[in-house]
PDB file of N, CA and C in Angstrom:
ATOM      1  N   MET A   1     126.012 114.356 105.188  1.00  0.00           N
ATOM      2  CA  MET A   1     125.301 115.737 105.543  1.00  0.00           C
ATOM      3  C   MET A   1     125.279 115.849 106.576  1.00  0.00           C
ATOM      4  N   SER A   2     124.299 117.179 106.780  1.00  0.00           N
ATOM      5  CA  SER A   2     124.002 117.605 107.954  1.00  0.00           C
ATOM      6  C   SER A   2     123.337 117.338 108.522  1.00  0.00           C
ATOM      7  N   SER A   3     123.511 116.695 110.312  1.00  0.00           N
ATOM      8  CA  SER A   3     122.484 116.164 111.197  1.00  0.00           C
ATOM      9  C   SER A   3     120.870 116.562 110.847  1.00  0.00           C
ATOM     10  N   SER A   4     121.054 117.952 110.450  1.00  0.00           N
ATOM     11  CA  SER A   4     120.125 119.059 110.616  1.00  0.00           C
ATOM     12  C   SER A   4     119.224 118.705 109.369  1.00  0.00           C
ATOM     13  N   LEU A   5     119.654 118.062 108.237  1.00  0.00           N
ATOM     14  CA  LEU A   5     118.945 117.832 107.376  1.00  0.00           C
ATOM     15  C   LEU A   5     118.000 116.889 107.486  1.00  0.00           C
ATOM     16  N   GLU A   6     118.581 116.029 108.341  1.00  0.00           N
ATOM     17  CA  GLU A   6     118.423 114.560 108.000  1.00  0.00           C
ATOM     18  C   GLU A   6     116.867 114.526 109.859  1.00  0.00           C
ATOM     19  N   GLU A   7     117.374 115.948 110.166  1.00  0.00           N
ATOM     20  CA  GLU A   7     116.442 116.678 110.872  1.00  0.00           C
ATOM     21  C   GLU A   7     114.884 116.795 110.643  1.00  0.00           C
ATOM     22  N   GLU A   8     115.580 117.668 109.758  1.00  0.00           N
ATOM     23  CA  GLU A   8     114.014 118.143 108.589  1.00  0.00           C
ATOM     24  C   GLU A   8     113.169 117.783 108.278  1.00  0.00           C
ATOM     25  N   ILE A   9     113.676 116.688 107.637  1.00  0.00           N
ATOM     26  CA  ILE A   9     113.198 115.304 106.792  1.00  0.00           C
ATOM     27  C   ILE A   9     112.732 114.390 107.703  1.00  0.00           C
ATOM     28  N   ARG A  10     112.903 113.972 109.275  1.00  0.00           N
ATOM     29  CA  ARG A  10     112.274 113.310 109.749  1.00  0.00           C
ATOM     30  C   ARG A  10     110.873 114.575 110.147  1.00  0.00           C
ATOM     31  N   GLN A  11     111.297 115.955 110.757  1.00  0.00           N
ATOM     32  CA  GLN A  11     109.840 116.191 111.304  1.00  0.00           C
ATOM     33  C   GLN A  11     108.489 116.410 110.438  1.00  0.00           C
ATOM     34  N   ARG A  12     109.671 116.843 109.082  1.00  0.00           N
ATOM     35  CA  ARG A  12     108.310 117.012 107.773  1.00  0.00           C
ATOM     36  C   ARG A  12     107.739 115.404 107.887  1.00  0.00           C
ATOM     37  N   LEU A  13     107.951 114.028 107.713  1.00  0.00           N
ATOM     38  CA  LEU A  13     107.557 112.534 107.473  1.00  0.00           C
ATOM     39  C   LEU A  13     106.610 113.005 108.796  1.00  0.00           C
ATOM     40  N   LEU A  14     107.338 113.451 109.749  1.00  0.00           N
ATOM     41  CA  LEU A  14     106.075 113.199 110.889  1.00  0.00           C
ATOM     42  C   LEU A  14     104.435 113.448 111.185  1.00  0.00           C
ATOM     43  N   ALA A  15     104.551 114.152 109.471  1.00  0.00           N
ATOM     44  CA  ALA A  15     102.660 114.483 109.247  1.00  0.00           C
ATOM     45  C   ALA A  15     102.467 113.219 109.243  1.00  0.00           C
ATOM     46  N   LEU A  16     102.688 112.149 108.872  1.00  0.00           N
ATOM     47  CA  LEU A  16     102.154 110.586 107.901  1.00  0.00           C
ATOM     48  C   LEU A  16     102.432 110.049 108.994  1.00  0.00           C
ATOM     49  N   GLU A  17     102.214 110.369 110.146  1.00  0.00           N
ATOM     50  CA  GLU A  17     102.133 110.122 111.457  1.00  0.00           C
ATOM     51  C   GLU A  17     102.613 108.980 111.728  1.00  0.00           C
ATOM     52  N   PRO A  18     104.217 108.099 110.894  1.00  0.00           N
ATOM     53  CA  PRO A  18     104.697 106.955 111.652  1.00  0.00           C
ATOM     54  C   PRO A  18     104.638 106.182 112.377  1.00  0.00           C
ATOM     55  N   THR A  19     104.435 105.131 112.565  1.00  0.00           N
ATOM     56  CA  THR A  19     104.420 104.174 113.905  1.00  0.00           C
ATOM     57  C   THR A  19     106.031 103.691 114.331  1.00  0.00           C
ATOM     58  N   SER A  20     106.362 103.891 112.824  1.00  0.00           N
ATOM     59  CA  SER A  20     107.775 103.918 112.748  1.00  0.00           C
ATOM     60  C   SER A  20     108.392 104.421 111.492  1.00  0.00           C
ATOM     61  N   LEU A  21     110.122 104.706 111.665  1.00  0.00           N
ATOM     62  CA  LEU A  21     110.623 105.840 110.920  1.00  0.00           C
ATOM     63  C   LEU A  21     111.653 105.205 110.785  1.00  0.00           C
ATOM     64  N   GLU A  22     112.793 105.306 110.100  1.00  0.00           N
ATOM     65  CA  GLU A  22     114.165 104.900 109.817  1.00  0.00           C
ATOM     66  C   GLU A  22     113.901 106.031 108.463  1.00  0.00           C
ATOM     67  N   ILE A  23     115.947 106.566 108.989  1.00  0.00           N
ATOM     68  CA  ILE A  23     115.780 107.660 107.945  1.00  0.00           C
ATOM     69  C   ILE A  23     117.768 107.749 108.136  1.00  0.00           C
ATOM     70  N   GLN A  24     118.034 106.749 107.006  1.00  0.00           N
ATOM     71  CA  GLN A  24     119.862 106.430 107.028  1.00  0.00           C
ATOM     72  C   GLN A  24     120.638 107.424 105.903  1.00  0.00           C
ATOM     73  N   ASP A  25     121.143 108.130 106.497  1.00  0.00           N
ATOM     74  CA  ASP A  25     121.864 109.032 105.428  1.00  0.00           C
ATOM     75  C   ASP A  25     123.151 108.179 104.974  1.00  0.00           C
ATOM     76  N   GLU A  26     123.135 108.061 103.061  1.00  0.00           N
ATOM     77  CA  GLU A  26     123.991 107.138 103.486  1.00  0.00           C
ATOM     78  C   GLU A  26     125.512 108.417 101.945  1.00  0.00           C
ATOM     79  N   SER A  27     125.186 109.494 101.986  1.00  0.00           N
ATOM     80  CA  SER A  27     125.704 110.426 101.680  1.00  0.00           C
ATOM     81  C   SER A  27     127.325 110.240 101.983  1.00  0.00           C
ATOM     82  N   ALA A  28     128.022 109.628 102.068  1.00  0.00           N
ATOM     83  CA  ALA A  28     128.943 109.135 102.414  1.00  0.00           C
ATOM     84  C   ALA A  28     129.856 108.495 100.888  1.00  0.00           C
ATOM     85  N   ALA A  29     128.738 107.967 101.121  1.00  0.00           N
ATOM     86  CA  ALA A  29     128.853 106.483  99.904  1.00  0.00           C
ATOM     87  C   ALA A  29     129.079 106.805  98.285  1.00  0.00           C
ATOM     88  N   HIS A  30     127.842 108.310  98.662  1.00  0.00           N
ATOM     89  CA  HIS A  30     127.696 108.436  97.410  1.00  0.00           C
ATOM     90  C   HIS A  30     129.039 109.830  96.795  1.00  0.00           C
ATOM     91  N   ALA A  31     129.163 110.908  97.234  1.00  0.00           N
ATOM     92  CA  ALA A  31     130.309 111.818  97.432  1.00  0.00           C
ATOM     93  C   ALA A  31     130.750 111.641  96.571  1.00  0.00           C
ATOM     94  N   GLY A  32     130.725 113.140  95.557  1.00  0.00           N
ATOM     95  CA  GLY A  32     131.836 112.965  93.428  1.00  0.00           C
ATOM     96  C   GLY A  32     131.072 111.983  92.702  1.00  0.00           C
ATOM     97  N   HIS A  33     129.904 111.394  92.566  1.00  0.00           N
ATOM     98  CA  HIS A  33     129.379 110.287  91.918  1.00  0.00           C
ATOM     99  C   HIS A  33     129.022 111.960  90.357  1.00  0.00           C
ATOM    100  N   ALA A  34     128.784 110.761  88.995  1.00  0.00           N
ATOM    101  CA  ALA A  34     128.214 112.042  88.599  1.00  0.00           C
ATOM    102  C   ALA A  34     126.951 112.681  89.103  1.00  0.00           C
ATOM    103  N   GLY A  35     126.405 113.712  88.373  1.00  0.00           N
ATOM    104  CA  GLY A  35     124.971 113.972  88.622  1.00  0.00           C
ATOM    105  C   GLY A  35     125.035 114.627  90.158  1.00  0.00           C
ATOM    106  N   ASN A  36     126.044 114.315  91.237  1.00  0.00           N
ATOM    107  CA  ASN A  36     125.435 114.594  92.080  1.00  0.00           C
ATOM    108  C   ASN A  36     126.022 116.600  92.557  1.00  0.00           C
ATOM    109  N   MET A  37     124.970 117.239  92.677  1.00  0.00           N
ATOM    110  CA  MET A  37     125.943 117.936  92.757  1.00  0.00           C
ATOM    111  C   MET A  37     125.733 118.940  94.040  1.00  0.00           C
ATOM    112  N   GLY A  38     125.509 117.564  95.539  1.00  0.00           N
ATOM    113  CA  GLY A  38     125.962 118.106  96.536  1.00  0.00           C
ATOM    114  C   GLY A  38     124.968 117.555  97.140  1.00  0.00           C
ATOM    115  N   GLY A  39     123.946 117.594  97.103  1.00  0.00           N
ATOM    116  CA  GLY A  39     122.896 117.221  97.866  1.00  0.00           C
ATOM    117  C   GLY A  39     123.136 115.913  98.381  1.00  0.00           C
ATOM    118  N   GLY A  40     122.409 114.790  99.847  1.00  0.00           N
ATOM    119  CA  GLY A  40     122.744 114.181 100.383  1.00  0.00           C
ATOM    120  C   GLY A  40     121.270 112.895  99.416  1.00  0.00           C
ATOM    121  N   HIS A  41     121.964 112.027  99.721  1.00  0.00           N
ATOM    122  CA  HIS A  41     121.332 110.281  99.597  1.00  0.00           C
ATOM    123  C   HIS A  41     120.970 109.969 100.708  1.00  0.00           C
ATOM    124  N   PHE A  42     119.627 108.932 100.696  1.00  0.00           N
ATOM    125  CA  PHE A  42     118.963 109.386 101.798  1.00  0.00           C
ATOM    126  C   PHE A  42     117.998 107.531 102.039  1.00  0.00           C
ATOM    127  N   LYS A  43     118.082 106.994 102.522  1.00  0.00           N
ATOM    128  CA  LYS A  43     117.078 105.268 102.630  1.00  0.00           C
ATOM    129  C   LYS A  43     116.075 105.895 103.745  1.00  0.00           C
ATOM    130  N   ILE A  44     115.466 106.136 103.563  1.00  0.00           N
ATOM    131  CA  ILE A  44     113.903 105.801 104.285  1.00  0.00           C
ATOM    132  C   ILE A  44     112.938 104.223 104.185  1.00  0.00           C
ATOM    133  N   GLN A  45     112.587 104.255 105.377  1.00  0.00           N
ATOM    134  CA  GLN A  45     111.420 103.187 106.001  1.00  0.00           C
ATOM    135  C   GLN A  45     110.596 104.036 106.389  1.00  0.00           C
ATOM    136  N   LEU A  46     109.873 103.510 106.161  1.00  0.00           N
ATOM    137  CA  LEU A  46     108.833 104.699 107.402  1.00  0.00           C
ATOM    138  C   LEU A  46     107.160 103.765 107.481  1.00  0.00           C
ATOM    139  N   VAL A  47     106.564 103.379 109.091  1.00  0.00           N
ATOM    140  CA  VAL A  47     105.491 102.321 109.005  1.00  0.00           C
ATOM    141  C   VAL A  47     104.628 103.505 109.391  1.00  0.00           C
ATOM    142  N   SER A  48     103.358 103.487 108.494  1.00  0.00           N
ATOM    143  CA  SER A  48     101.991 104.615 108.733  1.00  0.00           C
ATOM    144  C   SER A  48     100.825 103.587 108.138  1.00  0.00           C
ATOM    145  N   SER A  49      99.985 103.748 109.090  1.00  0.00           N
ATOM    146  CA  SER A  49      97.985 103.501 109.417  1.00  0.00           C
ATOM    147  C   SER A  49      97.973 104.443 107.820  1.00  0.00           C
ATOM    148  N   GLN A  50      98.427 105.567 107.459  1.00  0.00           N
ATOM    149  CA  GLN A  50      98.646 106.256 106.374  1.00  0.00           C
ATOM    150  C   GLN A  50      97.807 105.677 105.200  1.00  0.00           C
ATOM    151  N   PHE A  51      99.416 104.749 105.263  1.00  0.00           N
ATOM    152  CA  PHE A  51      99.192 103.653 103.871  1.00  0.00           C
ATOM    153  C   PHE A  51      98.147 102.475 104.048  1.00  0.00           C
ATOM    154  N   CYS A  52      97.165 102.459 104.740  1.00  0.00           N
ATOM    155  CA  CYS A  52      96.211 101.558 105.031  1.00  0.00           C
ATOM    156  C   CYS A  52      95.860 101.727 103.423  1.00  0.00           C
ATOM    157  N   GLY A  53      95.667 100.577 102.504  1.00  0.00           N
ATOM    158  CA  GLY A  53      94.881 100.631 101.187  1.00  0.00           C
ATOM    159  C   GLY A  53      95.449 101.110 100.073  1.00  0.00           C
ATOM    160  N   LYS A  54      96.673 102.440 100.600  1.00  0.00           N
ATOM    161  CA  LYS A  54      96.768 103.190  99.093  1.00  0.00           C
ATOM    162  C   LYS A  54      98.156 101.802  98.465  1.00  0.00           C
ATOM    163  N   SER A  55      98.107 101.962  96.886  1.00  0.00           N
ATOM    164  CA  SER A  55      99.266 102.266  96.689  1.00  0.00           C
ATOM    165  C   SER A  55     100.855 102.144  97.008  1.00  0.00           C
ATOM    166  N   GLN A  56     101.200 101.129  97.063  1.00  0.00           N
ATOM    167  CA  GLN A  56     102.698 101.715  96.689  1.00  0.00           C
ATOM    168  C   GLN A  56     103.188 102.920  96.224  1.00  0.00           C
ATOM    169  N   ILE A  57     102.918 103.471  95.274  1.00  0.00           N
ATOM    170  CA  ILE A  57     103.124 104.866  94.573  1.00  0.00           C
ATOM    171  C   ILE A  57     102.107 105.931  94.981  1.00  0.00           C
ATOM    172  N   MET A  58     101.010 105.746  95.115  1.00  0.00           N
ATOM    173  CA  MET A  58     100.502 106.210  96.870  1.00  0.00           C
ATOM    174  C   MET A  58     100.882 107.024  97.532  1.00  0.00           C
ATOM    175  N   ARG A  59     102.038 105.897  97.941  1.00  0.00           N
ATOM    176  CA  ARG A  59     102.435 105.841  99.588  1.00  0.00           C
ATOM    177  C   ARG A  59     104.017 106.592  98.910  1.00  0.00           C
ATOM    178  N   HIS A  60     104.745 106.523  98.061  1.00  0.00           N
ATOM    179  CA  HIS A  60     105.884 107.466  97.441  1.00  0.00           C
ATOM    180  C   HIS A  60     106.115 108.892  97.364  1.00  0.00           C
ATOM    181  N   ARG A  61     104.485 109.632  96.648  1.00  0.00           N
ATOM    182  CA  ARG A  61     104.401 110.172  96.164  1.00  0.00           C
ATOM    183  C   ARG A  61     103.557 111.569  97.692  1.00  0.00           C
ATOM    184  N   SER A  62     103.220 110.503  98.761  1.00  0.00           N
ATOM    185  CA  SER A  62     102.765 111.354  99.848  1.00  0.00           C
ATOM    186  C   SER A  62     103.793 111.674 100.694  1.00  0.00           C
ATOM    187  N   ILE A  63     105.161 111.366 100.464  1.00  0.00           N
ATOM    188  CA  ILE A  63     106.762 111.182 101.273  1.00  0.00           C
ATOM    189  C   ILE A  63     107.083 112.113 100.549  1.00  0.00           C
ATOM    190  N   TYR A  64     107.266 112.147  98.864  1.00  0.00           N
ATOM    191  CA  TYR A  64     107.806 113.148  98.005  1.00  0.00           C
ATOM    192  C   TYR A  64     107.506 114.029  98.501  1.00  0.00           C
ATOM    193  N   GLN A  65     106.238 114.908  98.499  1.00  0.00           N
ATOM    194  CA  GLN A  65     105.231 115.351  98.592  1.00  0.00           C
ATOM    195  C   GLN A  65     105.644 116.235  99.494  1.00  0.00           C
ATOM    196  N   ALA A  66     106.124 115.538 101.371  1.00  0.00           N
ATOM    197  CA  ALA A  66     106.599 115.903 102.439  1.00  0.00           C
ATOM    198  C   ALA A  66     107.668 116.830 101.682  1.00  0.00           C
ATOM    199  N   LEU A  67     108.437 116.473 100.892  1.00  0.00           N
ATOM    200  CA  LEU A  67     109.766 116.390 100.713  1.00  0.00           C
ATOM    201  C   LEU A  67     110.266 117.612  99.744  1.00  0.00           C
ATOM    202  N   ALA A  68     108.910 117.804  99.104  1.00  0.00           N
ATOM    203  CA  ALA A  68     109.554 118.653  97.543  1.00  0.00           C
ATOM    204  C   ALA A  68     110.453 119.144  97.434  1.00  0.00           C
ATOM    205  N   ASP A  69     110.327 119.940  98.505  1.00  0.00           N
ATOM    206  CA  ASP A  69     110.891 121.582  98.281  1.00  0.00           C
ATOM    207  C   ASP A  69     112.887 121.118  98.093  1.00  0.00           C
ATOM    208  N   LEU A  70     112.844 120.017  99.430  1.00  0.00           N
ATOM    209  CA  LEU A  70     113.968 119.634  99.611  1.00  0.00           C
ATOM    210  C   LEU A  70     115.317 119.042  98.584  1.00  0.00           C
ATOM    211  N   ILE A  71     114.241 118.546  97.051  1.00  0.00           N
ATOM    212  CA  ILE A  71     114.739 117.649  95.955  1.00  0.00           C
ATOM    213  C   ILE A  71     115.183 119.345  95.223  1.00  0.00           C
ATOM    214  N   PRO A  72     115.492 118.317  94.094  1.00  0.00           N
ATOM    215  CA  PRO A  72     117.490 117.455  93.970  1.00  0.00           C
ATOM    216  C   PRO A  72     118.188 118.292  94.638  1.00  0.00           C
ATOM    217  N   ASN A  73     117.856 119.884  95.383  1.00  0.00           N
ATOM    218  CA  ASN A  73     119.217 120.390  96.131  1.00  0.00           C
ATOM    219  C   ASN A  73     120.192 119.981  97.018  1.00  0.00           C
ATOM    220  N   ARG A  74     118.861 119.823  98.558  1.00  0.00           N
ATOM    221  CA  ARG A  74     119.823 118.874  99.368  1.00  0.00           C
ATOM    222  C   ARG A  74     119.702 118.054  99.634  1.00  0.00           C
ATOM    223  N   ILE A  75     118.421 117.485  98.923  1.00  0.00           N
ATOM    224  CA  ILE A  75     118.568 116.038  98.770  1.00  0.00           C
ATOM    225  C   ILE A  75     118.535 115.672  97.540  1.00  0.00           C
ATOM    226  N   HIS A  76     119.295 114.803  96.838  1.00  0.00           N
ATOM    227  CA  HIS A  76     120.092 113.968  95.537  1.00  0.00           C
ATOM    228  C   HIS A  76     119.167 112.908  94.903  1.00  0.00           C
ATOM    229  N   ALA A  77     119.140 112.262  96.196  1.00  0.00           N
ATOM    230  CA  ALA A  77     118.659 110.562  96.306  1.00  0.00           C
ATOM    231  C   ALA A  77     118.078 110.186  97.080  1.00  0.00           C
ATOM    232  N   LEU A  78     116.585 109.620  97.121  1.00  0.00           N
ATOM    233  CA  LEU A  78     116.044 109.248  98.157  1.00  0.00           C
ATOM    234  C   LEU A  78     115.358 107.723  98.181  1.00  0.00           C
ATOM    235  N   SER A  79     115.707 106.758  98.713  1.00  0.00           N
ATOM    236  CA  SER A  79     115.553 105.076  98.553  1.00  0.00           C
ATOM    237  C   SER A  79     114.083 105.184  99.769  1.00  0.00           C
ATOM    238  N   ILE A  80     112.618 104.847  99.090  1.00  0.00           N
ATOM    239  CA  ILE A  80     112.317 104.598  99.980  1.00  0.00           C
ATOM    240  C   ILE A  80     111.240 103.333 100.251  1.00  0.00           C
ATOM    241  N   LYS A  81     110.838 102.876 101.682  1.00  0.00           N
ATOM    242  CA  LYS A  81     110.305 101.613 102.296  1.00  0.00           C
ATOM    243  C   LYS A  81     109.621 101.987 102.463  1.00  0.00           C
ATOM    244  N   ALA A  82     107.967 101.891 102.070  1.00  0.00           N
ATOM    245  CA  ALA A  82     106.537 102.573 102.771  1.00  0.00           C
ATOM    246  C   ALA A  82     105.813 101.443 102.971  1.00  0.00           C
ATOM    247  N   ILE A  83     105.868 100.651 103.895  1.00  0.00           N
ATOM    248  CA  ILE A  83     104.717 100.175 105.078  1.00  0.00           C
ATOM    249  C   ILE A  83     103.115 100.670 105.519  1.00  0.00           C
ATOM    250  N   ALA A  84     102.250  99.644 104.765  1.00  0.00           N
ATOM    251  CA  ALA A  84     101.016 100.266 106.101  1.00  0.00           C
ATOM    252  C   ALA A  84     101.211  99.085 107.330  1.00  0.00           C
ATOM    253  N   SER A  85     100.502 100.133 108.326  1.00  0.00           N
ATOM    254  CA  SER A  85     101.259  99.213 109.598  1.00  0.00           C
ATOM    255  C   SER A  85     100.747  97.998 109.929  1.00  0.00           C
ATOM    256  N   ASN A  86      99.065  98.408 109.028  1.00  0.00           N
ATOM    257  CA  ASN A  86      98.434  96.707 109.130  1.00  0.00           C
ATOM    258  C   ASN A  86      99.667  95.085 107.553  1.00  0.00           C
ATOM    259  N   GLU A  87     100.395  95.961 107.541  1.00  0.00           N
ATOM    260  CA  GLU A  87     101.117  95.023 106.450  1.00  0.00           C
ATOM    261  C   GLU A  87     102.320  94.007 107.994  1.00  0.00           C
ATOM    262  N   GLN A  88     102.410  94.885 108.937  1.00  0.00           N
ATOM    263  CA  GLN A  88     103.691  94.342 109.415  1.00  0.00           C
ATOM    264  C   GLN A  88     103.313  93.055 109.907  1.00  0.00           C
TER     265      GLN A  88
END
């Protein structure tokens, strides 16, 4: 997948004020599998103080909201590890 999509994901997630943000593009490993209409597969690990006191569901929801219009056309699959800064 294009690095420009990875950069767009990174820019959108900056709104969550990450102290650490890792994005892995795993698209090549999933190309052509059933149900994939061309969108990318990404693994995200994000650490943010905004996640303190929030459940995993709320943390994931924050990330999905930032990327909502990219799913499912540009992002086909998303693996998320959302960590509160006080959990490190």
